Amino acid sequence: MGDSPRYLVVNADDLGLHQDINRGIRSAHTEGIVTSTSIVASGSAFEDACRVLEDCPALDVGVHLTLIEERPVLDPWVVPSLVTSDRVFPSSYRALSERVFRRAVNRDDVARELRAQIERVLEAGIVPSHVDSHQHVHVLEPIRQVAIDLAEEYRIPFIRVPSFESPLSSWRRLPDPVFRIGL
């Protein structure tokens, strides 16, 4: 550690999911302590989020990779192992984790969709500083390795990794500690 400077990064995820979230992040940055955000390329308020970023040039931005709770950037028929019968992503990390553990998620589908999400962010003129994911699903294999490969390919220097005090802390359902141990 020695003389190395330390920096506090306060990150606000979910930019682009909803206009109310976008307003909150803008306010938390301009009037508060938020220094970083993560944008959801598949979010319904993505275009509004891009306008927020234009107004907040000092706000650091990462890509919030999303494989749950939203619609894919790509046509659902192109990534069939990632979507439900309703052609949307699974409703939760538990539902996606179950598919991953059953080996029902195709690595190529993951790579195509996450690449499309990063490309959408880049096409909007955003240079991401990091990658993370909605509900930390980027730490599951094969998603983890795809995220690492894409970060390297696009020269995104950081991947945020979650940390828990204990896998048994603050769990509500029996699968929670199992999932956290897996993380």
C-alpha atoms as a PDB file:
ATOM      1  CA  MET A   1       0.000   0.000   0.000  1.00  0.00           C
ATOM      2  CA  GLY A   2       2.609   2.514   1.081  1.00  0.00           C
ATOM      3  CA  ASP A   3       2.323   5.860  -0.664  1.00  0.00           C
ATOM      4  CA  SER A   4      -0.209   4.748  -3.284  1.00  0.00           C
ATOM      5  CA  PRO A   5      -3.143   7.121  -3.453  1.00  0.00           C
ATOM      6  CA  ARG A   6      -6.561   5.752  -2.587  1.00  0.00           C
ATOM      7  CA  TYR A   7      -9.726   6.737  -4.360  1.00  0.00           C
ATOM      8  CA  LEU A   8     -13.307   6.370  -3.279  1.00  0.00           C
ATOM      9  CA  VAL A   9     -15.579   5.416  -6.154  1.00  0.00           C
ATOM     10  CA  VAL A  10     -19.295   5.691  -5.466  1.00  0.00           C
ATOM     11  CA  ASN A  11     -21.071   3.866  -8.272  1.00  0.00           C
ATOM     12  CA  ALA A  12     -24.784   4.013  -9.093  1.00  0.00           C
ATOM     13  CA  ASP A  13     -25.974   1.078 -11.176  1.00  0.00           C
ATOM     14  CA  ASP A  14     -28.997   0.847 -13.463  1.00  0.00           C
ATOM     15  CA  LEU A  15     -28.652   4.062 -15.470  1.00  0.00           C
ATOM     16  CA  GLY A  16     -30.966   3.543 -18.431  1.00  0.00           C
ATOM     17  CA  LEU A  17     -33.494   1.255 -16.767  1.00  0.00           C
ATOM     18  CA  HIS A  18     -36.029   4.009 -16.080  1.00  0.00           C
ATOM     19  CA  GLN A  19     -36.163   7.795 -16.344  1.00  0.00           C
ATOM     20  CA  ASP A  20     -36.701   8.117 -12.583  1.00  0.00           C
ATOM     21  CA  ILE A  21     -33.484   6.157 -11.955  1.00  0.00           C
ATOM     22  CA  ASN A  22     -31.702   8.384 -14.481  1.00  0.00           C
ATOM     23  CA  ARG A  23     -32.912  11.525 -12.667  1.00  0.00           C
ATOM     24  CA  GLY A  24     -31.807  10.100  -9.340  1.00  0.00           C
ATOM     25  CA  ILE A  25     -28.337   9.267 -10.614  1.00  0.00           C
ATOM     26  CA  ARG A  26     -27.973  12.705 -12.206  1.00  0.00           C
ATOM     27  CA  SER A  27     -28.964  14.347  -8.924  1.00  0.00           C
ATOM     28  CA  ALA A  28     -26.737  12.052  -6.834  1.00  0.00           C
ATOM     29  CA  HIS A  29     -23.825  13.010  -9.076  1.00  0.00           C
ATOM     30  CA  THR A  30     -24.428  16.771  -9.369  1.00  0.00           C
ATOM     31  CA  GLU A  31     -25.606  17.289  -5.788  1.00  0.00           C
ATOM     32  CA  GLY A  32     -24.096  14.308  -3.997  1.00  0.00           C
ATOM     33  CA  ILE A  33     -21.168  11.938  -3.971  1.00  0.00           C
ATOM     34  CA  VAL A  34     -21.813   9.615  -6.929  1.00  0.00           C
ATOM     35  CA  THR A  35     -18.702   9.569  -9.118  1.00  0.00           C
ATOM     36  CA  SER A  36     -19.504   6.622 -11.357  1.00  0.00           C
ATOM     37  CA  THR A  37     -22.458   4.904 -12.963  1.00  0.00           C
ATOM     38  CA  SER A  38     -23.172   1.779 -14.972  1.00  0.00           C
ATOM     39  CA  ILE A  39     -25.455   2.045 -17.997  1.00  0.00           C
ATOM     40  CA  VAL A  40     -27.929  -0.623 -19.105  1.00  0.00           C
ATOM     41  CA  ALA A  41     -27.808  -0.843 -22.906  1.00  0.00           C
ATOM     42  CA  SER A  42     -31.036  -2.838 -22.982  1.00  0.00           C
ATOM     43  CA  GLY A  43     -32.899  -0.474 -20.654  1.00  0.00           C
ATOM     44  CA  SER A  44     -36.075   1.249 -21.811  1.00  0.00           C
ATOM     45  CA  ALA A  45     -34.600   4.648 -20.846  1.00  0.00           C
ATOM     46  CA  PHE A  46     -31.219   4.179 -22.559  1.00  0.00           C
ATOM     47  CA  GLU A  47     -31.566   7.245 -24.810  1.00  0.00           C
ATOM     48  CA  ASP A  48     -32.531   9.401 -21.822  1.00  0.00           C
ATOM     49  CA  ALA A  49     -29.505   7.999 -19.964  1.00  0.00           C
ATOM     50  CA  CYS A  50     -27.263   9.105 -22.832  1.00  0.00           C
ATOM     51  CA  ARG A  51     -28.622  12.651 -22.445  1.00  0.00           C
ATOM     52  CA  VAL A  52     -27.884  12.511 -18.715  1.00  0.00           C
ATOM     53  CA  LEU A  53     -24.296  11.549 -19.518  1.00  0.00           C
ATOM     54  CA  GLU A  54     -23.969  14.452 -21.960  1.00  0.00           C
ATOM     55  CA  ASP A  55     -24.985  16.777 -19.109  1.00  0.00           C
ATOM     56  CA  CYS A  56     -22.579  15.097 -16.655  1.00  0.00           C
ATOM     57  CA  PRO A  57     -19.214  14.814 -18.430  1.00  0.00           C
ATOM     58  CA  ALA A  58     -17.315  14.162 -15.182  1.00  0.00           C
ATOM     59  CA  LEU A  59     -19.438  11.086 -14.399  1.00  0.00           C
ATOM     60  CA  ASP A  60     -17.440   7.919 -14.988  1.00  0.00           C
ATOM     61  CA  VAL A  61     -19.404   5.265 -16.940  1.00  0.00           C
ATOM     62  CA  GLY A  62     -19.300   1.506 -17.135  1.00  0.00           C
ATOM     63  CA  VAL A  63     -21.427  -1.042 -18.962  1.00  0.00           C
ATOM     64  CA  HIS A  64     -24.003  -2.753 -16.752  1.00  0.00           C
ATOM     65  CA  LEU A  65     -24.252  -6.074 -18.587  1.00  0.00           C
ATOM     66  CA  THR A  66     -27.795  -7.357 -18.364  1.00  0.00           C
ATOM     67  CA  LEU A  67     -29.091 -10.909 -18.778  1.00  0.00           C
ATOM     68  CA  ILE A  68     -32.086 -10.734 -16.417  1.00  0.00           C
ATOM     69  CA  GLU A  69     -35.265  -8.699 -15.966  1.00  0.00           C
ATOM     70  CA  GLU A  70     -35.049  -6.907 -19.335  1.00  0.00           C
ATOM     71  CA  ARG A  71     -35.234  -7.534 -23.070  1.00  0.00           C
ATOM     72  CA  PRO A  72     -32.132  -8.392 -25.071  1.00  0.00           C
ATOM     73  CA  VAL A  73     -30.543  -5.811 -27.354  1.00  0.00           C
ATOM     74  CA  LEU A  74     -30.468  -8.456 -30.082  1.00  0.00           C
ATOM     75  CA  ASP A  75     -33.519 -10.099 -31.571  1.00  0.00           C
ATOM     76  CA  PRO A  76     -34.534 -12.822 -29.082  1.00  0.00           C
ATOM     77  CA  TRP A  77     -34.392 -15.431 -31.855  1.00  0.00           C
ATOM     78  CA  VAL A  78     -30.630 -14.784 -32.155  1.00  0.00           C
ATOM     79  CA  VAL A  79     -30.010 -15.631 -28.455  1.00  0.00           C
ATOM     80  CA  PRO A  80     -32.597 -18.333 -27.712  1.00  0.00           C
ATOM     81  CA  SER A  81     -30.845 -19.849 -24.685  1.00  0.00           C
ATOM     82  CA  LEU A  82     -30.977 -16.487 -22.872  1.00  0.00           C
ATOM     83  CA  VAL A  83     -34.687 -15.764 -23.154  1.00  0.00           C
ATOM     84  CA  THR A  84     -37.912 -17.191 -21.784  1.00  0.00           C
ATOM     85  CA  SER A  85     -40.900 -18.259 -23.858  1.00  0.00           C
ATOM     86  CA  ASP A  86     -41.995 -14.593 -23.662  1.00  0.00           C
ATOM     87  CA  ARG A  87     -38.726 -13.645 -25.435  1.00  0.00           C
ATOM     88  CA  VAL A  88     -37.366 -11.694 -22.467  1.00  0.00           C
ATOM     89  CA  PHE A  89     -34.516 -12.453 -20.101  1.00  0.00           C
ATOM     90  CA  PRO A  90     -35.276 -14.570 -17.005  1.00  0.00           C
ATOM     91  CA  SER A  91     -36.898 -12.679 -14.155  1.00  0.00           C
ATOM     92  CA  SER A  92     -34.085 -13.042 -11.601  1.00  0.00           C
ATOM     93  CA  TYR A  93     -30.517 -14.140 -10.986  1.00  0.00           C
ATOM     94  CA  ARG A  94     -31.909 -17.325  -9.456  1.00  0.00           C
ATOM     95  CA  ALA A  95     -33.755 -18.183 -12.661  1.00  0.00           C
ATOM     96  CA  LEU A  96     -30.676 -17.459 -14.784  1.00  0.00           C
ATOM     97  CA  SER A  97     -28.397 -19.329 -12.362  1.00  0.00           C
ATOM     98  CA  GLU A  98     -30.625 -22.370 -12.582  1.00  0.00           C
ATOM     99  CA  ARG A  99     -30.346 -22.293 -16.372  1.00  0.00           C
ATOM    100  CA  VAL A 100     -26.573 -21.861 -16.140  1.00  0.00           C
ATOM    101  CA  PHE A 101     -26.205 -24.780 -13.716  1.00  0.00           C
ATOM    102  CA  ARG A 102     -28.353 -26.977 -15.997  1.00  0.00           C
ATOM    103  CA  ARG A 103     -26.017 -25.965 -18.865  1.00  0.00           C
ATOM    104  CA  ALA A 104     -29.003 -24.565 -20.758  1.00  0.00           C
ATOM    105  CA  VAL A 105     -27.225 -21.256 -21.461  1.00  0.00           C
ATOM    106  CA  ASN A 106     -25.192 -21.227 -24.648  1.00  0.00           C
ATOM    107  CA  ARG A 107     -21.850 -19.417 -24.331  1.00  0.00           C
ATOM    108  CA  ASP A 108     -22.099 -18.117 -27.904  1.00  0.00           C
ATOM    109  CA  ASP A 109     -25.511 -16.588 -27.129  1.00  0.00           C
ATOM    110  CA  VAL A 110     -23.982 -14.881 -24.083  1.00  0.00           C
ATOM    111  CA  ALA A 111     -21.091 -13.554 -26.163  1.00  0.00           C
ATOM    112  CA  ARG A 112     -23.372 -12.264 -28.944  1.00  0.00           C
ATOM    113  CA  GLU A 113     -25.718 -10.464 -26.548  1.00  0.00           C
ATOM    114  CA  LEU A 114     -23.057  -8.952 -24.296  1.00  0.00           C
ATOM    115  CA  ARG A 115     -21.078  -7.836 -27.349  1.00  0.00           C
ATOM    116  CA  ALA A 116     -24.222  -6.143 -28.689  1.00  0.00           C
ATOM    117  CA  GLN A 117     -24.719  -4.367 -25.357  1.00  0.00           C
ATOM    118  CA  ILE A 118     -21.142  -3.074 -25.322  1.00  0.00           C
ATOM    119  CA  GLU A 119     -21.436  -2.037 -28.979  1.00  0.00           C
ATOM    120  CA  ARG A 120     -24.632  -0.088 -28.269  1.00  0.00           C
ATOM    121  CA  VAL A 121     -22.855   1.834 -25.512  1.00  0.00           C
ATOM    122  CA  LEU A 122     -19.859   2.526 -27.757  1.00  0.00           C
ATOM    123  CA  GLU A 123     -22.119   3.614 -30.650  1.00  0.00           C
ATOM    124  CA  ALA A 124     -23.652   6.175 -28.284  1.00  0.00           C
ATOM    125  CA  GLY A 125     -20.195   7.741 -27.945  1.00  0.00           C
ATOM    126  CA  ILE A 126     -19.584   6.412 -24.430  1.00  0.00           C
ATOM    127  CA  VAL A 127     -16.124   5.107 -23.539  1.00  0.00           C
ATOM    128  CA  PRO A 128     -16.671   2.679 -20.651  1.00  0.00           C
ATOM    129  CA  SER A 129     -14.207   2.509 -17.793  1.00  0.00           C
ATOM    130  CA  HIS A 130     -15.521  -0.751 -16.381  1.00  0.00           C
ATOM    131  CA  VAL A 131     -17.887  -3.662 -16.763  1.00  0.00           C
ATOM    132  CA  ASP A 132     -20.257  -5.003 -14.151  1.00  0.00           C
ATOM    133  CA  SER A 133     -23.640  -6.663 -14.364  1.00  0.00           C
ATOM    134  CA  HIS A 134     -27.197  -6.560 -13.186  1.00  0.00           C
ATOM    135  CA  GLN A 135     -27.394  -8.674 -10.003  1.00  0.00           C
ATOM    136  CA  HIS A 136     -23.715  -9.695 -10.438  1.00  0.00           C
ATOM    137  CA  VAL A 137     -24.492 -12.477 -12.915  1.00  0.00           C
ATOM    138  CA  HIS A 138     -21.203 -11.784 -14.713  1.00  0.00           C
ATOM    139  CA  VAL A 139     -19.428 -13.871 -12.083  1.00  0.00           C
ATOM    140  CA  LEU A 140     -21.180 -17.067 -13.223  1.00  0.00           C
ATOM    141  CA  GLU A 141     -19.491 -19.293 -15.801  1.00  0.00           C
ATOM    142  CA  PRO A 142     -19.719 -19.128 -18.791  1.00  0.00           C
ATOM    143  CA  ILE A 143     -20.751 -15.477 -18.397  1.00  0.00           C
ATOM    144  CA  ARG A 144     -17.626 -14.608 -16.388  1.00  0.00           C
ATOM    145  CA  GLN A 145     -15.187 -15.656 -19.059  1.00  0.00           C
ATOM    146  CA  VAL A 146     -17.210 -13.934 -21.787  1.00  0.00           C
ATOM    147  CA  ALA A 147     -17.183 -10.706 -19.751  1.00  0.00           C
ATOM    148  CA  ILE A 148     -13.408 -10.972 -19.273  1.00  0.00           C
ATOM    149  CA  ASP A 149     -12.812 -11.691 -22.965  1.00  0.00           C
ATOM    150  CA  LEU A 150     -15.000  -8.784 -24.074  1.00  0.00           C
ATOM    151  CA  ALA A 151     -13.416  -6.382 -21.571  1.00  0.00           C
ATOM    152  CA  GLU A 152     -10.002  -7.320 -22.957  1.00  0.00           C
ATOM    153  CA  GLU A 153     -11.175  -7.057 -26.569  1.00  0.00           C
ATOM    154  CA  TYR A 154     -12.725  -3.624 -26.054  1.00  0.00           C
ATOM    155  CA  ARG A 155      -9.894  -2.497 -23.761  1.00  0.00           C
ATOM    156  CA  ILE A 156     -12.204  -1.869 -20.843  1.00  0.00           C
ATOM    157  CA  PRO A 157      -9.719  -1.774 -17.956  1.00  0.00           C
ATOM    158  CA  PHE A 158     -11.837  -2.860 -14.974  1.00  0.00           C
ATOM    159  CA  ILE A 159     -14.404  -5.501 -14.085  1.00  0.00           C
ATOM    160  CA  ARG A 160     -16.242  -4.883 -10.838  1.00  0.00           C
ATOM    161  CA  VAL A 161     -16.470  -7.974  -8.650  1.00  0.00           C
ATOM    162  CA  PRO A 162     -18.995  -8.221  -5.808  1.00  0.00           C
ATOM    163  CA  SER A 163     -17.923  -8.824  -2.253  1.00  0.00           C
ATOM    164  CA  PHE A 164     -20.062 -10.137   0.580  1.00  0.00           C
ATOM    165  CA  GLU A 165     -19.239 -10.008   4.272  1.00  0.00           C
ATOM    166  CA  SER A 166     -20.395 -13.596   4.521  1.00  0.00           C
ATOM    167  CA  PRO A 167     -22.338 -15.896   2.207  1.00  0.00           C
ATOM    168  CA  LEU A 168     -24.749 -16.375   5.084  1.00  0.00           C
ATOM    169  CA  SER A 169     -25.369 -12.682   5.792  1.00  0.00           C
ATOM    170  CA  SER A 170     -28.750 -11.092   5.120  1.00  0.00           C
ATOM    171  CA  TRP A 171     -30.311 -13.931   3.188  1.00  0.00           C
ATOM    172  CA  ARG A 172     -34.051 -14.297   2.821  1.00  0.00           C
ATOM    173  CA  ARG A 173     -34.425 -17.643   1.064  1.00  0.00           C
ATOM    174  CA  LEU A 174     -32.530 -20.903   1.330  1.00  0.00           C
ATOM    175  CA  PRO A 175     -30.923 -20.638  -2.167  1.00  0.00           C
ATOM    176  CA  ASP A 176     -29.375 -17.230  -1.327  1.00  0.00           C
ATOM    177  CA  PRO A 177     -26.302 -18.534   0.567  1.00  0.00           C
ATOM    178  CA  VAL A 178     -25.779 -21.232  -2.088  1.00  0.00           C
ATOM    179  CA  PHE A 179     -25.764 -18.604  -4.816  1.00  0.00           C
ATOM    180  CA  ARG A 180     -23.389 -16.362  -2.827  1.00  0.00           C
ATOM    181  CA  ILE A 181     -21.001 -19.259  -2.224  1.00  0.00           C
ATOM    182  CA  GLY A 182     -21.087 -19.839  -5.977  1.00  0.00           C
ATOM    183  CA  LEU A 183     -20.208 -16.179  -6.560  1.00  0.00           C
END
